[in-house]
Protein backbone atom coordinates (compact mmCIF):
# COMPACT_ATOMS: atom_id res chain seq x y z
CA MET A 1 -11.42 -22.38 12.55
CA THR A 2 -9.73 -21.38 9.49
CA ASN A 3 -10.08 -25.07 7.79
CA LEU A 4 -14.05 -24.86 8.78
CA LEU A 5 -14.44 -20.93 7.09
CA SER A 6 -12.68 -22.06 3.69
CA GLN A 7 -14.85 -25.37 4.10
CA ALA A 8 -17.52 -23.15 4.61
CA ASN A 9 -16.47 -20.91 1.27
CA SER A 10 -15.99 -23.94 -0.92
CA LYS A 11 -17.39 -24.45 -4.82
CA GLU A 12 -19.42 -26.66 -3.88
CA ASN A 13 -21.21 -25.29 -1.41
CA ARG A 14 -21.21 -21.79 -2.78
CA GLU A 15 -22.85 -23.95 -6.18
CA ALA A 16 -25.20 -25.19 -3.64
CA PHE A 17 -26.29 -21.59 -2.03
CA LEU A 18 -26.87 -20.16 -5.37
CA ASP A 19 -29.17 -23.17 -6.77
CA ARG A 20 -31.65 -22.68 -3.34
CA ILE A 21 -31.34 -19.11 -4.39
CA ALA A 22 -32.61 -20.17 -7.72
CA LYS A 23 -34.50 -22.44 -6.46
CA LYS A 24 -36.55 -20.41 -4.38
CA ALA A 25 -36.90 -17.59 -6.63
CA GLY A 26 -38.57 -19.78 -9.05
CA ARG A 27 -36.25 -18.78 -11.96
CA PRO A 28 -32.70 -20.55 -13.69
CA ARG A 29 -29.56 -19.27 -13.05
CA HIS A 30 -27.92 -16.66 -14.18
CA GLN A 31 -24.97 -17.37 -15.73
CA VAL A 32 -21.57 -15.44 -15.60
CA LYS A 33 -20.20 -15.09 -19.41
CA ALA A 34 -16.07 -14.62 -19.65
CA PHE A 35 -15.45 -11.01 -20.14
CA THR A 36 -14.01 -9.97 -22.94
CA PRO A 37 -12.49 -6.65 -23.46
CA LEU A 38 -13.72 -4.33 -25.44
CA ASN A 39 -10.19 -3.19 -26.92
CA ASP A 40 -6.80 -3.00 -25.18
CA LEU A 41 -6.29 0.40 -23.93
CA PRO A 42 -5.71 -0.50 -20.59
CA GLU A 43 -2.03 -1.85 -21.56
CA GLN A 44 -1.86 1.24 -24.24
CA VAL A 45 -1.70 3.58 -20.90
CA LEU A 46 2.03 4.98 -21.47
CA ALA A 47 3.38 2.17 -22.61
CA ASP A 48 5.64 4.27 -24.71
CA LYS A 49 7.55 6.14 -21.91
CA SER A 50 10.52 5.35 -20.83
CA GLY A 51 11.26 4.02 -16.90
CA VAL A 52 12.91 7.90 -16.78
CA GLU A 53 9.86 9.34 -18.04
CA LEU A 54 7.84 7.31 -15.81
CA LEU A 55 9.09 9.00 -12.59
CA THR A 56 8.52 12.43 -14.10
CA ILE A 57 4.64 11.75 -14.64
CA ALA A 58 4.47 10.20 -11.31
CA LYS A 59 5.92 13.11 -9.27
CA GLU A 60 3.87 15.51 -11.24
CA ASN A 61 0.59 13.13 -10.48
CA ALA A 62 1.85 12.58 -6.90
CA GLU A 63 1.56 16.42 -6.47
CA GLU A 64 -1.55 16.15 -7.81
CA VAL A 65 -3.00 14.71 -4.87
CA ASN A 66 -0.61 16.20 -2.06
CA ALA A 67 1.57 13.28 -2.27
CA LYS A 68 5.26 13.76 -2.74
CA VAL A 69 7.88 11.47 -4.28
CA VAL A 70 11.65 11.57 -3.06
CA VAL A 71 14.14 9.30 -5.23
CA LYS A 72 17.41 8.46 -3.17
CA LYS A 73 19.80 5.59 -3.34
CA ARG A 74 19.98 3.14 -0.67
CA ALA A 75 23.17 3.93 0.75
CA GLU A 76 21.33 7.26 1.06
CA LEU A 77 18.47 5.93 3.34
CA GLU A 78 19.15 6.49 6.50
CA ASP A 79 20.53 10.14 6.16
CA PHE A 80 17.08 10.58 4.62
CA LEU A 81 15.23 9.61 7.42
CA LYS A 82 17.17 11.06 10.24
CA ASP A 83 16.61 14.61 8.22
CA TYR A 84 12.86 14.05 7.56
CA ALA A 85 11.95 12.59 11.21
CA GLN A 86 13.78 15.66 12.48
CA GLU A 87 12.02 18.55 9.99
CA ILE A 88 8.57 17.03 11.20
CA GLY A 89 10.07 16.85 14.82
CA ALA A 90 8.12 13.07 15.22
CA LYS A 91 8.54 11.92 18.76
CA ARG A 92 7.45 8.01 18.43
CA LEU A 93 7.71 6.06 15.08
CA LEU A 94 5.92 3.14 13.54
CA LEU A 95 8.15 -0.03 12.16
CA PRO A 96 7.13 -2.65 10.56
CA GLY A 97 7.00 -5.58 12.09
CA VAL A 98 9.36 -7.65 9.35
CA LYS A 99 12.82 -9.74 9.63
CA SER A 100 15.84 -7.46 9.62
CA ALA A 101 16.78 -9.30 6.69
CA LYS A 102 14.22 -7.03 4.83
CA TRP A 103 16.17 -3.67 6.40
CA GLN A 104 19.41 -4.91 5.44
CA GLU A 105 17.94 -4.90 1.38
CA TYR A 106 17.53 -1.54 2.12
CA GLN A 107 20.55 -0.87 3.88
CA LEU A 108 18.39 0.11 6.66
CA ASP A 109 19.24 -2.53 9.36
CA HIS A 110 21.33 -0.28 11.46
CA TRP A 111 18.77 2.57 11.41
CA ALA A 112 15.69 0.39 12.36
CA LYS A 113 18.26 -0.97 15.15
CA ALA A 114 18.61 2.87 16.76
CA THR A 115 16.52 5.38 14.72
CA GLY A 116 17.53 8.12 17.02
CA ILE A 117 13.61 9.34 17.46
CA GLU A 118 12.41 9.43 20.79
CA GLN A 119 10.13 5.82 20.97
CA THR A 120 10.16 3.62 18.36
CA ASP A 121 7.49 0.98 18.12
CA CYS A 122 6.68 -1.87 15.55
CA TRP A 123 3.28 -3.21 14.52
CA SER A 124 3.86 -6.82 16.18
CA THR A 125 2.44 -9.75 15.25
CA GLU A 126 2.39 -10.53 19.05
CA LEU A 127 -0.10 -7.59 19.56
CA SER A 128 -3.63 -7.74 18.56
CA ARG A 129 -5.26 -5.44 16.51
CA MET A 130 -6.59 -2.50 19.18
CA GLU A 131 -3.21 -2.49 20.82
CA ASN A 132 -1.53 -2.50 16.87
CA GLU A 133 -3.93 0.33 15.92
CA GLN A 134 -3.42 1.98 18.81
CA LEU A 135 0.48 2.28 18.58
CA ALA A 136 -0.24 3.91 14.89
CA ASN A 137 -2.48 5.87 16.41
CA GLN A 138 -0.08 7.79 18.32
CA ALA A 139 2.70 7.71 15.59
CA ASP A 140 3.86 10.80 14.24
CA LEU A 141 5.25 8.83 11.65
CA ALA A 142 5.17 5.63 10.19
CA VAL A 143 7.57 4.18 8.18
CA GLY A 144 6.84 1.06 5.70
CA PHE A 145 7.50 -0.52 2.63
CA ALA A 146 4.98 -0.31 -0.30
CA ASP A 147 5.29 -2.38 -3.52
CA TYR A 148 4.68 -0.31 -6.51
CA LEU A 149 4.33 3.28 -7.82
CA ILE A 150 1.63 3.59 -10.30
CA ALA A 151 2.62 6.89 -12.56
CA ASN A 152 -0.62 7.23 -14.60
CA THR A 153 -2.51 7.96 -10.79
CA GLY A 154 0.67 8.88 -8.15
CA THR A 155 -1.02 6.16 -6.34
CA ILE A 156 1.06 3.23 -4.01
CA THR A 157 0.46 -0.13 -3.42
CA VAL A 158 0.46 -2.22 0.21
CA VAL A 159 -0.31 -5.67 0.48
CA VAL A 160 -2.21 -5.52 3.70
CA SER A 161 0.29 -8.45 6.49
CA PRO A 162 -0.11 -9.17 9.57
CA LYS A 163 3.48 -7.59 9.71
CA GLN A 164 2.27 -4.35 8.40
CA GLY A 165 -1.79 -3.84 8.79
CA ARG A 166 -4.76 -1.70 7.29
CA GLY A 167 -4.02 0.47 10.05
CA PHE A 168 -0.33 0.96 9.86
CA ASN A 169 -0.90 3.37 6.73
CA PHE A 170 -3.42 5.08 7.98
CA LEU A 171 -3.75 6.99 11.31
CA PRO A 172 -0.43 7.84 12.23
CA GLU A 173 0.34 11.72 11.02
CA HIS A 174 3.19 11.00 9.42
CA TYR A 175 3.25 8.26 6.32
CA LEU A 176 6.41 7.38 4.48
CA ALA A 177 6.27 4.56 2.42
CA LEU A 178 9.23 3.19 0.91
CA VAL A 179 8.95 1.62 -2.90
CA PRO A 180 11.89 0.25 -4.85
CA LYS A 181 12.30 1.59 -8.42
CA SER A 182 12.03 -1.52 -9.86
CA GLY A 183 8.00 -1.70 -8.73
CA LEU A 184 7.20 1.51 -10.37
CA VAL A 185 4.34 0.48 -13.40
CA ALA A 186 2.78 3.16 -15.81
CA SER A 187 -0.89 1.91 -14.94
CA THR A 188 -3.19 0.29 -12.64
CA ARG A 189 -4.02 -2.58 -15.07
CA GLN A 190 0.17 -3.55 -15.37
CA ALA A 191 0.20 -3.62 -11.04
CA VAL A 192 -3.42 -5.35 -10.89
CA THR A 193 -1.97 -7.89 -13.39
CA LYS A 194 1.73 -8.30 -11.40
CA TYR A 195 -0.50 -8.87 -8.15
CA GLU A 196 -2.78 -11.50 -10.28
CA GLN A 197 0.43 -13.27 -10.95
CA ARG A 198 1.86 -13.27 -7.38
CA LEU A 199 -1.13 -14.46 -6.11
CA ALA A 200 -1.95 -17.58 -8.82
CA ALA A 201 1.61 -18.27 -8.29
CA GLY A 202 1.14 -18.58 -4.22
CA SER A 203 3.99 -16.03 -3.53
CA LEU A 204 1.66 -13.66 -2.26
CA LYS A 205 -1.35 -14.38 0.41
CA THR A 206 -3.45 -11.13 1.63
CA SER A 207 -7.02 -9.72 2.95
CA ALA A 208 -6.94 -6.33 1.14
CA ILE A 209 -4.82 -4.66 -1.34
CA ASN A 210 -4.34 -1.06 -0.49
CA PHE A 211 -4.34 1.97 -3.20
CA ILE A 212 -2.82 4.86 -1.82
CA SER A 213 -3.41 8.42 -3.87
CA GLY A 214 -2.26 10.77 -1.06
CA PRO A 215 -4.08 11.86 2.01
CA SER A 216 -6.90 12.73 2.30
CA ASN A 217 -8.38 15.56 0.58
CA SER A 218 -11.62 17.01 1.41
CA GLY A 219 -13.42 20.03 0.46
CA ASP A 220 -17.40 19.84 2.60
CA ILE A 221 -16.55 23.04 4.50
CA GLU A 222 -17.51 25.74 2.24
CA MET A 223 -15.70 24.67 -0.81
CA GLU A 224 -12.59 25.05 1.10
CA LEU A 225 -10.07 21.76 -0.12
CA VAL A 226 -7.97 20.65 3.42
CA VAL A 227 -6.04 18.09 3.37
CA GLY A 228 -5.26 15.39 5.46
CA VAL A 229 -8.71 15.18 7.87
CA HIS A 230 -8.77 11.60 7.60
CA GLY A 231 -5.74 10.04 8.40
CA PRO A 232 -1.92 10.90 8.24
CA LEU A 233 -1.43 14.71 7.15
CA ASP A 234 1.02 14.12 4.43
CA CYS A 235 2.28 11.00 2.11
CA THR A 236 5.93 10.60 1.47
CA TYR A 237 7.03 8.34 -1.65
CA LEU A 238 10.36 6.98 -1.05
CA VAL A 239 11.98 5.43 -3.86
CA VAL A 240 14.59 3.65 -3.96
CA GLU A 241 16.59 3.87 -7.11
CA ASP A 242 19.53 0.47 -6.85
CA LEU A 243 16.45 -1.43 -5.62
């Protein structure tokens, strides 16, 4: 099935399809010219800020979108996660189905095996999408991994993968993302450029990249702002200082 889809979406098939449309319409094909930016303003966003300044800006902008940035070292993560889970009264936890090496990188391999929470489930490639999303919908807390924290907007970016699908980030009651400090970037342009480089090199394959700017905000009812109407009630970005 995958090979058939790849063939159907090949450049040759796309070109032939567009040629047929143009012929039926009785007009020549539109030729798309290469995009030429008018200026380099996107590259200049916060370009003069140091790493310390970017982190401060990220915290301030995250607060503006009702998210919280917490900075910890790897040795402090396990205690923080236990305290946080106890604080929100989490009884059901959802974790991504990553290998133990990923948890070891964050010094959380012991915690991932014994979280101290009543029930711990994992987003699994062995389950159907519906089964995974049901686990996510029932979870009080999801603890997952993010790639970048964008200082200019207080946004994190998360790659959709079979081990951490779309619903992982949006269905649990509380959402916490682990972000390496090395993933702190000034702007959306910088994050997108990094993804483009990884996609071109073949080190990244994904169907989607989520840009998450805190929990949902709705003011539809009598102009009263309500946070977390759709998706998690709150979002915490746990920046790992020594990664």
